[in-house]
Protein backbone atom coordinates (compact mmCIF):
# COMPACT_ATOMS: atom_id res chain seq x y z
CA MET A 1 1.75 -7.95 26.50
CA LYS A 2 -1.63 -6.46 25.60
CA ILE A 3 -1.67 -4.47 22.34
CA LEU A 4 -4.31 -2.13 20.93
CA PHE A 5 -4.29 -1.39 17.18
CA ILE A 6 -6.12 1.79 16.10
CA VAL A 7 -7.17 1.92 12.44
CA THR A 8 -8.76 5.20 11.34
CA SER A 9 -8.87 5.11 7.53
CA PHE A 10 -12.27 3.87 6.43
CA TRP A 11 -11.37 3.65 2.72
CA ALA A 12 -7.86 2.13 2.76
CA TYR A 13 -7.58 -1.59 3.47
CA GLY A 14 -3.81 -1.69 3.12
CA GLU A 15 -3.09 -0.18 6.51
CA LEU A 16 -5.64 -2.56 8.06
CA GLN A 17 -3.92 -5.54 6.44
CA ILE A 18 -0.51 -4.41 7.74
CA ALA A 19 -1.92 -4.18 11.26
CA ILE A 20 -3.65 -7.56 10.99
CA ASP A 21 -0.44 -9.18 9.74
CA PHE A 22 1.52 -7.85 12.71
CA ALA A 23 -1.27 -8.69 15.17
CA SER A 24 -1.50 -12.26 13.86
CA GLN A 25 2.20 -12.78 14.47
CA VAL A 26 2.16 -11.37 18.01
CA SER A 27 -0.97 -13.39 18.82
CA THR A 28 0.82 -16.63 17.98
CA LEU A 29 3.43 -15.61 20.55
CA GLY A 30 0.75 -15.52 23.24
CA HIS A 31 0.13 -11.78 23.39
CA LYS A 32 -3.39 -10.34 23.48
CA VAL A 33 -4.60 -7.93 20.80
CA ILE A 34 -7.65 -5.77 20.26
CA PHE A 35 -8.56 -3.52 17.32
CA LEU A 36 -10.41 -0.21 17.15
CA VAL A 37 -11.70 0.14 13.58
CA PRO A 38 -14.19 2.05 11.41
CA PRO A 39 -17.48 0.29 10.57
CA SER A 40 -16.18 -0.44 7.06
CA HIS A 41 -13.45 -2.72 8.45
CA VAL A 42 -15.51 -4.83 10.87
CA ASP A 43 -16.02 -7.78 8.50
CA ARG A 44 -12.30 -8.18 7.81
CA VAL A 45 -11.39 -8.03 11.48
CA LYS A 46 -14.10 -10.56 12.34
CA ALA A 47 -12.86 -12.86 9.56
CA ASN A 48 -9.50 -12.96 11.34
CA ASN A 49 -11.12 -13.77 14.70
CA ILE A 50 -9.77 -10.60 16.31
CA GLU A 51 -11.48 -8.84 19.21
CA TYR A 52 -12.53 -5.34 18.21
CA ARG A 53 -14.37 -2.14 19.04
CA VAL A 54 -15.92 0.21 16.47
CA LEU A 55 -15.28 3.93 15.92
CA ILE A 56 -18.44 6.03 15.51
CA PRO A 57 -18.27 8.51 12.59
CA ASN A 58 -18.90 12.14 13.57
CA CYS A 59 -19.20 11.35 17.26
CA ALA A 60 -16.15 12.78 19.03
CA LEU A 61 -17.55 12.40 22.55
CA LEU A 62 -18.54 8.76 22.07
CA ASN A 63 -15.16 7.93 20.54
CA ARG A 64 -13.33 9.44 23.51
CA ILE A 65 -15.53 7.33 25.79
CA ILE A 66 -14.59 4.25 23.73
CA LEU A 67 -10.90 5.08 24.22
CA ARG A 68 -11.41 5.38 27.99
CA ASP A 69 -13.35 2.11 28.09
CA ILE A 70 -10.57 0.28 26.26
CA GLU A 71 -8.02 1.70 28.69
CA GLU A 72 -10.07 0.69 31.73
CA LEU A 73 -11.21 -2.74 30.53
CA PHE A 74 -8.31 -3.89 28.35
CA ASN A 75 -5.53 -1.70 29.78
CA PRO A 76 -3.16 -2.06 26.78
CA ASP A 77 0.58 -2.07 27.46
CA CYS A 78 1.10 -0.83 23.93
CA VAL A 79 -1.00 1.21 21.48
CA ILE A 80 -0.16 1.08 17.76
CA LEU A 81 -1.61 3.46 15.17
CA SER A 82 -1.99 1.68 11.85
CA ASP A 83 -0.99 4.88 10.03
CA PHE A 84 0.06 7.98 11.92
CA LEU A 85 -0.69 10.21 8.90
CA ASN A 86 -4.30 9.07 8.75
CA TYR A 87 -4.70 9.42 12.49
CA ALA A 88 -3.34 12.97 12.36
CA PHE A 89 -6.30 13.93 10.17
CA CYS A 90 -9.04 11.73 11.61
CA GLU A 91 -10.57 14.59 13.60
CA LYS A 92 -12.72 15.35 10.55
CA HIS A 93 -14.33 11.89 10.65
CA TYR A 94 -14.12 10.80 14.31
CA GLY A 95 -13.34 13.96 16.27
CA LEU A 96 -10.16 12.45 17.70
CA LYS A 97 -6.87 14.30 18.12
CA GLU A 98 -3.37 13.22 19.04
CA GLU A 99 -3.84 14.46 22.60
CA ASP A 100 -6.78 12.05 23.05
CA LEU A 101 -4.24 9.22 23.09
CA SER A 102 -2.99 10.51 26.45
CA VAL A 103 -5.80 8.49 28.07
CA PHE A 104 -3.61 5.41 27.63
CA THR A 105 -0.98 4.56 30.24
CA GLY A 106 0.84 2.21 27.85
CA ILE A 107 3.42 3.25 25.28
CA ILE A 108 2.20 4.81 22.03
CA GLY A 109 3.65 3.97 18.62
CA ALA A 110 2.75 3.72 14.96
CA PHE A 111 3.48 2.01 11.68
CA ASP A 112 5.67 4.19 9.47
CA LEU A 113 5.54 3.06 5.85
CA TYR A 114 7.32 6.13 4.58
CA ASN A 115 10.42 6.61 6.77
CA PHE A 116 8.75 9.94 7.49
CA SER A 117 11.54 11.53 9.49
CA LYS A 118 13.92 11.17 6.51
CA SER A 119 11.40 12.36 3.91
CA GLY A 120 11.84 16.06 4.63
CA LYS A 121 8.03 16.13 5.08
CA ARG A 122 7.72 16.98 1.38
CA VAL A 123 4.30 15.45 0.96
CA ASP A 124 3.28 16.34 -2.60
CA THR A 125 -0.47 15.91 -2.96
CA TYR A 126 -2.32 16.54 -6.24
CA GLY A 127 0.62 18.61 -7.43
CA PHE A 128 0.86 20.78 -4.30
CA ARG A 129 2.87 20.48 -1.12
CA ALA A 130 0.59 19.53 1.77
CA LYS A 131 1.57 22.29 4.19
CA GLU A 132 -0.60 20.97 7.01
CA ILE A 133 1.67 17.92 7.30
CA SER A 134 4.81 19.97 7.98
CA HIS A 135 3.76 20.43 11.62
CA LEU A 136 3.67 16.69 12.33
CA CYS A 137 6.40 15.46 14.65
CA ILE A 138 6.79 11.72 14.43
CA ASP A 139 9.44 11.80 17.15
CA ASN A 140 6.64 12.32 19.69
CA TYR A 141 5.83 8.61 19.48
CA ASP A 142 7.52 6.13 21.79
CA PHE A 143 8.38 3.82 18.89
CA LEU A 144 7.86 3.30 15.16
CA LEU A 145 7.37 0.07 13.22
CA GLN A 146 8.68 0.26 9.65
CA PRO A 147 7.49 -2.64 7.47
CA CYS A 148 9.85 -4.00 4.82
CA PRO A 149 8.88 -3.84 2.05
CA VAL A 150 8.25 -0.98 1.26
CA ASN A 151 10.92 0.49 3.51
CA LYS A 152 14.52 -0.34 2.72
CA VAL A 153 16.03 -3.40 4.35
CA ALA A 154 18.39 -1.73 6.81
CA LEU A 155 18.86 -1.49 10.54
CA ASP A 156 18.15 2.02 11.77
CA SER A 157 20.53 3.32 14.37
CA SER A 158 17.70 4.88 16.38
CA SER A 159 16.65 2.67 19.28
CA ASN A 160 12.91 3.23 18.84
CA TYR A 161 12.75 2.48 15.07
CA PHE A 162 12.03 -1.16 14.25
CA ARG A 163 12.15 -2.44 10.69
CA TYR A 164 10.58 -5.85 10.30
CA ARG A 165 9.51 -8.42 7.72
CA ILE A 166 5.95 -7.76 6.61
CA PHE A 167 3.93 -10.79 5.44
CA ASP A 168 6.78 -12.96 6.70
CA GLY A 169 4.96 -16.26 6.11
CA ILE A 170 4.47 -15.81 2.36
CA GLU A 171 6.54 -18.26 0.30
CA GLY A 172 7.37 -18.08 -3.38
CA ARG A 173 4.87 -19.93 -5.57
CA SER A 174 5.78 -23.14 -7.40
CA TYR A 175 5.00 -24.39 -10.92
CA THR A 176 2.39 -26.65 -9.33
CA ASP A 177 0.80 -23.68 -7.55
CA ILE A 178 0.58 -21.79 -10.84
CA LYS A 179 -0.87 -24.74 -12.76
CA SER A 180 -3.51 -25.40 -10.09
CA ALA A 181 -4.47 -21.72 -9.84
CA ARG A 182 -4.79 -21.28 -13.60
CA GLU A 183 -7.00 -24.35 -13.83
CA THR A 184 -9.21 -22.91 -11.07
CA ILE A 185 -9.44 -19.49 -12.74
CA GLY A 186 -9.82 -20.97 -16.21
CA VAL A 187 -6.69 -19.51 -17.80
CA LYS A 188 -5.13 -21.52 -20.62
CA SER A 189 -1.40 -22.26 -20.65
CA SER A 190 -1.10 -20.30 -23.90
CA GLU A 191 -2.64 -17.16 -22.33
CA LYS A 192 -0.90 -14.39 -20.44
CA LEU A 193 -2.77 -13.01 -17.43
CA ILE A 194 -2.29 -9.51 -16.02
CA VAL A 195 -3.79 -8.59 -12.65
CA MET A 196 -4.53 -4.97 -11.75
CA THR A 197 -6.25 -3.58 -8.66
CA GLY A 198 -8.17 -0.46 -7.70
CA ALA A 199 -8.92 0.88 -4.22
CA VAL A 200 -11.84 2.94 -2.97
CA TRP A 201 -9.60 5.93 -2.24
CA GLN A 202 -8.26 5.80 -5.82
CA SER A 203 -11.79 6.26 -7.14
CA SER A 204 -12.81 8.96 -4.63
CA PHE A 205 -10.13 11.52 -5.45
CA ARG A 206 -10.36 15.26 -4.90
CA PRO A 207 -13.02 16.64 -7.28
CA TYR A 208 -10.77 19.28 -8.83
CA ASN A 209 -11.47 19.69 -12.53
CA GLU A 210 -7.82 19.33 -13.56
CA VAL A 211 -7.42 16.25 -11.36
CA LYS A 212 -10.44 14.67 -13.05
CA LYS A 213 -8.84 15.31 -16.44
CA LEU A 214 -5.54 13.77 -15.33
CA VAL A 215 -7.24 10.69 -13.84
CA SER A 216 -9.20 10.22 -17.06
CA ALA A 217 -6.02 10.60 -19.14
CA VAL A 218 -4.22 7.96 -17.06
CA ASP A 219 -7.11 5.52 -17.46
CA ASP A 220 -7.26 6.22 -21.20
CA ALA A 221 -3.52 5.49 -21.50
CA ILE A 222 -3.91 2.18 -19.62
CA MET A 223 -6.92 1.16 -21.72
CA LYS A 224 -5.00 2.03 -24.92
CA MET A 225 -2.11 -0.12 -23.71
CA ILE A 226 -4.43 -3.06 -23.00
CA VAL A 227 -6.02 -2.84 -26.46
CA GLY A 228 -2.55 -2.98 -28.02
CA LEU A 229 -1.40 -6.10 -26.17
CA PRO A 230 -1.16 -9.39 -28.09
CA GLN A 231 -4.40 -11.33 -28.49
CA ASN A 232 -3.41 -14.02 -25.99
CA TYR A 233 -3.34 -11.49 -23.10
CA LYS A 234 -6.12 -11.20 -20.51
CA VAL A 235 -6.47 -8.48 -17.88
CA PHE A 236 -8.40 -8.90 -14.63
CA TRP A 237 -9.13 -5.66 -12.76
CA ILE A 238 -10.11 -6.20 -9.12
CA GLY A 239 -11.68 -3.36 -7.15
CA PRO A 240 -13.47 -0.07 -7.85
CA ARG A 241 -13.04 1.96 -11.02
CA HIS A 242 -14.00 5.60 -11.47
CA LYS A 243 -15.57 4.91 -14.87
CA PRO A 244 -16.77 1.90 -16.91
CA ILE A 245 -14.46 -0.13 -19.12
CA PRO A 246 -14.73 0.99 -22.78
CA GLU A 247 -16.48 -1.51 -25.05
CA LYS A 248 -13.41 -1.82 -27.27
CA VAL A 249 -11.34 -3.17 -24.36
CA THR A 250 -12.43 -6.77 -24.80
CA LYS A 251 -9.39 -8.32 -23.13
CA MET A 252 -10.38 -6.96 -19.72
CA ARG A 253 -12.71 -8.26 -17.01
CA HIS A 254 -13.73 -6.18 -14.02
CA PHE A 255 -14.60 -7.51 -10.55
CA GLU A 256 -15.82 -4.90 -8.07
CA SER A 257 -14.54 -7.08 -5.23
CA MET A 258 -13.24 -10.59 -4.61
CA PRO A 259 -12.90 -12.76 -1.48
CA PRO A 260 -9.30 -12.86 -0.16
CA SER A 261 -8.87 -16.58 -0.91
CA ALA A 262 -10.09 -16.15 -4.49
CA PHE A 263 -7.79 -13.15 -4.93
CA GLU A 264 -4.81 -15.19 -3.72
CA THR A 265 -5.64 -17.84 -6.32
CA LEU A 266 -5.90 -15.17 -9.00
CA VAL A 267 -2.50 -13.73 -8.04
CA ASP A 268 -0.95 -17.20 -8.17
CA SER A 269 -2.22 -17.58 -11.73
CA ALA A 270 -0.89 -14.19 -12.89
CA ASP A 271 1.99 -13.64 -15.30
CA VAL A 272 2.28 -9.98 -14.25
CA PHE A 273 0.90 -7.77 -11.49
CA VAL A 274 0.52 -4.13 -12.56
CA SER A 275 0.12 -1.35 -10.00
CA THR A 276 -0.04 2.44 -9.94
CA ASN A 277 0.72 2.50 -6.21
CA TYR A 278 4.18 1.72 -4.84
CA ILE A 279 2.90 1.18 -1.29
CA SER A 280 0.09 -1.20 -2.30
CA THR A 281 -0.08 -4.17 0.07
CA SER A 282 -1.61 -6.32 -2.69
CA MET A 283 1.41 -5.55 -4.85
CA ILE A 284 3.81 -6.40 -2.00
CA ARG A 285 2.12 -9.75 -1.37
CA ALA A 286 2.21 -10.58 -5.08
CA ALA A 287 5.93 -9.73 -5.26
CA LEU A 288 6.74 -11.88 -2.23
CA ARG A 289 4.80 -14.71 -3.87
CA GLY A 290 7.05 -14.48 -6.93
CA VAL A 291 4.85 -12.59 -9.40
CA PRO A 292 6.68 -10.11 -11.70
CA ILE A 293 5.67 -6.56 -10.81
CA VAL A 294 5.25 -3.57 -13.13
CA LEU A 295 4.83 -0.19 -11.44
CA LEU A 296 3.22 2.62 -13.43
CA ALA A 297 4.17 6.15 -12.41
CA ASN A 298 4.50 9.62 -13.89
CA SER A 299 7.50 11.94 -13.66
CA TYR A 300 6.11 14.72 -15.86
CA LEU A 301 5.21 18.11 -14.38
CA LYS A 302 3.06 20.59 -16.23
CA ARG A 303 1.50 23.77 -14.88
CA THR A 304 1.26 27.45 -15.72
CA GLY A 305 4.64 28.61 -16.95
CA GLU A 306 6.34 25.27 -16.41
CA SER A 307 6.52 22.01 -18.36
CA ARG A 308 9.26 19.48 -17.70
CA SER A 309 10.05 15.87 -16.89
CA LEU A 310 11.81 15.07 -13.62
CA THR A 311 13.59 12.24 -15.44
CA GLY A 312 14.48 14.08 -18.66
CA ARG A 313 11.72 12.67 -20.88
CA ARG A 314 10.02 14.35 -23.81
CA GLU A 315 6.36 15.28 -23.47
CA SER A 316 3.97 12.50 -24.40
CA ASP A 317 1.29 13.31 -26.96
CA ILE A 318 -1.31 12.31 -24.37
CA LEU A 319 -0.27 15.26 -22.21
CA LYS A 320 -0.68 17.95 -24.84
CA ASP A 321 -4.37 18.56 -24.05
CA LEU A 322 -3.83 18.73 -20.28
CA ASN A 323 -3.16 22.03 -18.50
CA ILE A 324 -2.11 20.48 -15.20
CA VAL A 325 -0.01 17.34 -14.82
CA TYR A 326 1.73 16.33 -11.59
CA PRO A 327 4.17 13.49 -10.83
CA PHE A 328 2.96 10.48 -8.88
CA ARG A 329 4.12 7.17 -7.46
CA MET A 330 0.83 6.67 -5.62
CA PHE A 331 -1.93 7.40 -8.12
CA PRO A 332 -3.91 9.63 -8.13
CA VAL A 333 -2.69 11.42 -4.97
CA GLY A 334 0.91 11.96 -6.09
CA TRP A 335 3.62 11.38 -3.47
CA TYR A 336 6.38 11.33 -6.09
CA SER A 337 8.81 13.40 -4.01
CA PHE A 338 7.54 12.10 -0.68
CA LEU A 339 8.37 8.48 -1.57
CA GLU A 340 11.73 9.37 -3.11
CA THR A 341 13.55 8.54 0.11
CA ILE A 342 12.25 4.98 0.31
CA VAL A 343 12.68 4.07 -3.37
CA ASN A 344 16.27 5.30 -3.74
CA GLY A 345 18.66 2.43 -3.12
CA ASN A 346 15.79 0.13 -2.17
CA SER A 347 16.45 -3.48 -3.15
CA PHE A 348 12.72 -4.25 -3.21
CA TYR A 349 12.07 -1.37 -5.61
CA LYS A 350 14.78 -2.82 -7.84
CA LEU A 351 12.86 -6.11 -7.94
CA THR A 352 10.09 -4.36 -9.82
CA ARG A 353 9.92 -3.08 -13.37
CA ARG A 354 8.82 0.51 -13.88
CA ALA A 355 7.17 2.34 -16.75
CA GLU A 356 5.88 5.86 -17.33
CA VAL A 357 2.10 5.63 -17.62
CA PHE A 358 1.73 8.14 -20.46
CA TYR A 359 4.13 6.26 -22.74
CA VAL A 360 1.84 3.50 -23.95
CA GLN A 361 4.34 1.61 -26.10
CA GLU A 362 6.82 1.59 -23.23
CA ILE A 363 4.25 0.08 -20.86
CA SER A 364 3.42 -2.66 -23.37
CA GLU A 365 7.08 -3.54 -23.84
CA VAL A 366 7.77 -3.64 -20.10
CA ILE A 367 4.71 -5.82 -19.43
CA GLU A 368 5.51 -8.24 -22.24
CA ASN A 369 9.10 -8.47 -20.99
CA ALA A 370 7.87 -9.22 -17.47
CA ALA A 371 5.41 -11.83 -18.74
CA SER A 372 8.19 -13.64 -20.58
CA GLU A 373 10.34 -14.08 -17.47
CA ASN A 374 10.35 -17.66 -16.20
CA LEU A 375 9.50 -18.48 -12.61
CA ASP A 376 13.01 -19.66 -11.76
CA GLN A 377 14.48 -16.27 -12.65
CA THR A 378 11.80 -14.41 -10.70
CA LEU A 379 12.34 -16.56 -7.62
CA ASP A 380 16.11 -16.24 -7.90
CA ASN A 381 15.81 -12.45 -7.79
CA LEU A 382 13.35 -12.70 -4.91
CA HIS A 383 15.65 -14.98 -2.92
CA LYS A 384 18.53 -12.51 -3.36
CA TYR A 385 16.31 -9.82 -1.85
CA LYS A 386 15.26 -12.12 0.99
CA GLU A 387 18.85 -12.89 1.97
CA LYS A 388 19.10 -9.43 3.56
CA TRP A 389 15.39 -9.28 4.42
CA LEU A 390 15.69 -12.36 6.62
CA GLU A 391 18.37 -10.60 8.70
CA LEU A 392 15.78 -8.15 10.03
CA PRO A 393 14.74 -8.74 13.65
CA SER A 394 11.89 -11.11 14.33
CA ILE A 395 8.51 -9.92 15.62
CA GLU A 396 9.27 -11.76 18.86
CA SER A 397 12.46 -9.78 19.45
CA ILE A 398 10.71 -6.51 18.55
CA VAL A 399 7.90 -7.16 21.05
CA SER A 400 10.52 -7.93 23.69
CA SER A 401 12.20 -4.61 22.92
CA LEU A 402 8.87 -2.76 23.12
CA ALA A 403 8.38 -4.11 26.62
CA GLN A 404 11.58 -2.30 27.68
CA ILE A 405 10.64 1.12 26.28
CA ASN A 406 9.85 3.92 28.68
CA LYS A 407 6.77 6.00 27.92
CA THR A 408 7.46 9.57 26.85
CA PHE A 409 4.41 10.28 24.66
């Protein structure tokens, strides 16, 4: 089978990594793959020795020609969108619409990280419901690939929904792995290391004044938490930040970027991985490696005439000076309600520890608790999750099933 992967988000590397992971597995089975990516993703695709073509920003006509060329020269049996939500709105950047995919004679599908059809299309963005998403009909696609995690480990009764094991080759780390990694990084056995990450899209949020205030308040809360940690704690922040680290935060080091191999070593040396994004691929990889995870979210809602917690909490003092506060599981966009469907009853979500980001003492306690957990306990919990996870169909069986699907798109 010949498979084309179309990646349209130029700022998010997570969806690219999900596509590369799947493509790597199908390639080992003898299938041919090709990627269509933005210029920002070329280096990562090249590093994985994958054939590719490049989307041209703001050139709709040229991009349609590229699609036709791929159809004529590569003739894919199967086209997979790395994220159907991003593709639905890529007209702004590349001039492409859903109907442009009709140039392909092969079946058309997409990765679905969100179990979108069960979400009620309640996509809460920056405190508002994204009405433009309500018109999307995911059932138009011939098939959907639902990576686990973050989706629940379950077999969907629908014949064109395929849940599969993402990052299937990742094994839990050993004591030897940890010792070697910490020696490489230069972390003493008496020190506790926290790893945090930032993405480009998390630093290029909508420039609404109230959003800026909220983003700043979240960062201030995290910095306050770091200052209050015991002296033997270190924090490594990998990726962009929207503002510099305060001088008083001496426990923290910031790296704008890091090569994948170095980042893997850093994760292996970590006592805790802290994330403000439940669908972060870096967080998923760390969890599958056996690193304790702490997810920071916010359940508090505050706007004109309304102030309440969706989980029954009192208002944090940090929130008193903010006029607008919205819940989020994917900071700073929101998606608190949208992701509700995939976190409820999700055994992977239960593997993680959660804390409300505006309750600084709570975050500190949760992180210190996670850092004190021994590796054997972490791996035991991970293995319990993987018992059901390993029952999911293999990539080989999924590709075989795709070959039997009739095109309706």
